[in-house]
């Protein structure tokens, strides 16, 4: 099913998936290809997260800040779409595994601006250390990736799987999918 955009809000495309899947590496080339604005993963800017001192409230604040930035960007862009590096599903899995509860359902005030398409990025086998990554075991990341897929399916959210390929091949695949789905 395709959708033609005319005088409507911009598309919101969210890169999601387990850590070490290339989300942050993909967002800039995608934004350049489409000439759309993007929002980077806010965890990479948060001192508590970078120092391993995050709390549930830290993640809840990041969720609220992310949604606020998305809303502001979508209200003020003339672009047909916006790319987001991660979103509430990633924060939910993180929060569930560490604090036993989701950030997206904790506060009824938090509601994601509608996501038009999730890009479920498959994890890359070769581990790249990063201050906010915690799962170096490839098999555990594969299991987590399956949890992401199941969550997207359970919530009946629109997504495509982005297999592990060189960056430009991934960008080409995503571009074709977005153009075919939304006539942009």
Protein backbone atom coordinates (compact mmCIF):
# COMPACT_ATOMS: atom_id res chain seq x y z
CA UNK A 1 0.00 0.00 0.00
CA UNK A 2 1.48 3.34 -0.96
CA UNK A 3 0.63 6.74 0.30
CA UNK A 4 0.92 10.07 -1.48
CA UNK A 5 1.96 12.97 0.75
CA UNK A 6 0.11 16.26 0.13
CA UNK A 7 -0.27 18.92 2.79
CA UNK A 8 0.12 16.33 5.54
CA UNK A 9 2.59 15.91 8.30
CA UNK A 10 6.02 14.58 7.35
CA UNK A 11 6.71 10.87 7.45
CA UNK A 12 8.45 9.63 10.57
CA UNK A 13 10.93 6.86 9.84
CA UNK A 14 12.60 5.29 12.89
CA UNK A 15 15.73 3.17 12.81
CA UNK A 16 15.45 0.50 15.45
CA UNK A 17 17.14 -2.70 16.50
CA UNK A 18 19.65 -4.08 18.91
CA UNK A 19 22.93 -2.32 19.54
CA UNK A 20 25.73 -2.74 16.99
CA UNK A 21 23.31 -2.85 14.07
CA UNK A 22 24.46 0.28 12.26
CA UNK A 23 21.57 2.60 13.10
CA UNK A 24 23.80 5.58 13.85
CA UNK A 25 25.94 4.84 10.79
CA UNK A 26 22.88 4.72 8.53
CA UNK A 27 21.04 7.84 9.60
CA UNK A 28 23.26 10.48 8.01
CA UNK A 29 23.54 8.80 4.59
CA UNK A 30 19.76 8.26 4.60
CA UNK A 31 19.08 11.88 5.52
CA UNK A 32 21.46 13.04 2.78
CA UNK A 33 19.87 10.74 0.20
CA UNK A 34 16.38 12.07 0.93
CA UNK A 35 17.42 15.57 1.99
CA UNK A 36 15.38 15.10 5.17
CA UNK A 37 16.29 16.21 8.69
CA UNK A 38 17.20 13.66 11.33
CA UNK A 39 17.46 13.23 15.07
CA UNK A 40 20.42 11.38 16.54
CA UNK A 41 20.20 8.97 19.45
CA UNK A 42 20.03 11.15 22.55
CA UNK A 43 21.68 8.55 24.79
CA UNK A 44 24.99 9.41 23.15
CA UNK A 45 24.72 12.94 24.57
CA UNK A 46 23.67 12.06 28.11
CA UNK A 47 26.39 12.14 30.79
CA UNK A 48 24.61 9.65 33.07
CA UNK A 49 24.35 7.13 30.23
CA UNK A 50 27.93 7.70 29.08
CA UNK A 51 29.16 7.16 32.66
CA UNK A 52 27.00 4.08 33.26
CA UNK A 53 24.92 5.89 35.91
CA UNK A 54 21.56 6.00 34.15
CA UNK A 55 18.40 5.48 36.14
CA UNK A 56 14.85 4.80 35.09
CA UNK A 57 14.22 8.54 35.35
CA UNK A 58 17.17 9.16 33.01
CA UNK A 59 15.59 6.95 30.36
CA UNK A 60 12.16 8.45 30.96
CA UNK A 61 13.62 11.95 30.50
CA UNK A 62 15.37 10.85 27.31
CA UNK A 63 12.07 9.47 26.00
CA UNK A 64 10.27 12.74 26.73
CA UNK A 65 13.09 14.83 25.23
CA UNK A 66 13.19 12.67 22.10
CA UNK A 67 9.45 13.00 21.54
CA UNK A 68 9.63 16.73 22.15
CA UNK A 69 12.39 17.09 19.55
CA UNK A 70 10.50 14.92 17.07
CA UNK A 71 7.33 16.96 17.51
CA UNK A 72 9.20 20.25 17.11
CA UNK A 73 11.10 19.06 14.05
CA UNK A 74 8.00 17.65 12.38
CA UNK A 75 6.03 20.84 13.00
CA UNK A 76 8.78 23.03 11.59
CA UNK A 77 10.16 21.14 8.60
CA UNK A 78 9.04 21.49 5.02
CA UNK A 79 10.57 18.11 4.21
CA UNK A 80 8.43 15.13 3.32
CA UNK A 81 9.97 13.13 6.16
CA UNK A 82 12.13 12.90 9.25
CA UNK A 83 14.55 10.14 10.25
CA UNK A 84 15.01 9.18 13.90
CA UNK A 85 17.97 7.21 15.24
CA UNK A 86 16.15 4.88 17.65
CA UNK A 87 12.95 5.50 19.55
CA UNK A 88 10.80 4.22 22.35
CA UNK A 89 11.14 0.52 21.48
CA UNK A 90 14.90 0.64 22.08
CA UNK A 91 14.46 2.60 25.31
CA UNK A 92 11.72 0.17 26.41
CA UNK A 93 13.92 -2.90 25.95
CA UNK A 94 16.77 -1.20 27.77
CA UNK A 95 14.52 -0.04 30.60
CA UNK A 96 12.82 -3.44 30.89
CA UNK A 97 16.10 -5.31 31.09
CA UNK A 98 17.67 -2.98 33.68
CA UNK A 99 14.72 -1.54 35.64
CA UNK A 100 11.90 -4.02 34.97
CA UNK A 101 9.52 -1.54 33.35
CA UNK A 102 8.97 0.30 30.08
CA UNK A 103 9.42 4.03 29.66
CA UNK A 104 6.73 4.32 27.00
CA UNK A 105 3.91 3.05 29.21
CA UNK A 106 5.06 4.53 32.53
CA UNK A 107 3.61 7.97 31.88
CA UNK A 108 0.38 8.34 29.94
CA UNK A 109 1.57 11.78 28.79
CA UNK A 110 4.24 10.12 26.63
CA UNK A 111 2.95 9.19 23.22
CA UNK A 112 5.10 8.76 20.18
CA UNK A 113 4.31 10.92 17.22
CA UNK A 114 3.00 8.32 14.80
CA UNK A 115 5.77 6.29 13.21
CA UNK A 116 5.12 5.55 9.56
CA UNK A 117 7.88 2.97 9.18
CA UNK A 118 10.41 1.26 11.41
CA UNK A 119 13.69 0.12 9.91
CA UNK A 120 14.67 -2.99 11.89
CA UNK A 121 18.43 -3.09 11.40
CA UNK A 122 19.95 -6.54 11.77
CA UNK A 123 22.90 -6.75 14.14
CA UNK A 124 26.38 -6.82 12.68
CA UNK A 125 28.49 -9.81 13.71
CA UNK A 126 31.76 -7.89 14.13
CA UNK A 127 31.61 -6.16 17.50
CA UNK A 128 32.47 -2.49 17.70
CA UNK A 129 32.97 -1.31 21.27
CA UNK A 130 31.02 1.80 22.21
CA UNK A 131 30.44 3.53 25.57
CA UNK A 132 26.72 2.70 25.59
CA UNK A 133 26.86 -0.85 24.22
CA UNK A 134 26.51 -3.75 26.62
CA UNK A 135 26.04 -6.93 24.54
CA UNK A 136 29.27 -8.04 22.83
CA UNK A 137 27.98 -11.62 22.42
CA UNK A 138 26.69 -11.99 18.86
CA UNK A 139 24.24 -14.79 19.70
CA UNK A 140 22.68 -12.69 22.47
CA UNK A 141 22.31 -9.78 20.04
CA UNK A 142 20.61 -12.11 17.55
CA UNK A 143 18.18 -13.18 20.30
CA UNK A 144 17.52 -9.53 21.15
CA UNK A 145 16.94 -8.76 17.48
CA UNK A 146 14.29 -11.50 17.43
CA UNK A 147 12.65 -9.79 20.44
CA UNK A 148 12.55 -6.53 18.49
CA UNK A 149 10.88 -8.31 15.56
CA UNK A 150 8.33 -9.97 17.85
CA UNK A 151 7.53 -6.65 19.56
CA UNK A 152 6.98 -4.93 16.21
CA UNK A 153 4.74 -7.81 15.13
CA UNK A 154 2.82 -7.87 18.45
CA UNK A 155 2.14 -4.15 18.19
CA UNK A 156 1.28 -4.50 14.50
CA UNK A 157 3.75 -1.76 13.60
CA UNK A 158 4.92 -1.20 10.02
CA UNK A 159 8.53 -2.24 9.52
CA UNK A 160 11.04 -3.63 7.11
CA UNK A 161 14.08 -5.66 7.97
CA UNK A 162 17.37 -4.13 6.94
CA UNK A 163 19.89 -6.95 6.45
CA UNK A 164 23.58 -6.63 7.12
CA UNK A 165 25.15 -5.24 3.96
CA UNK A 166 27.56 -2.44 3.14
CA UNK A 167 26.10 0.95 4.14
CA UNK A 168 25.30 2.14 0.61
CA UNK A 169 23.50 -1.12 -0.21
CA UNK A 170 21.45 -0.72 2.95
CA UNK A 171 20.64 2.89 2.02
CA UNK A 172 19.61 1.79 -1.50
CA UNK A 173 17.32 -0.91 -0.09
CA UNK A 174 15.70 1.54 2.35
CA UNK A 175 15.33 4.21 -0.32
CA UNK A 176 13.55 1.80 -2.64
CA UNK A 177 11.24 0.64 0.13
CA UNK A 178 10.31 4.17 1.23
CA UNK A 179 9.74 5.33 -2.34
CA UNK A 180 7.58 2.31 -3.12
CA UNK A 181 5.51 2.57 0.05
CA UNK A 182 4.99 6.33 0.18
CA UNK A 183 5.52 7.65 -3.37
CA UNK A 184 8.16 10.14 -2.26
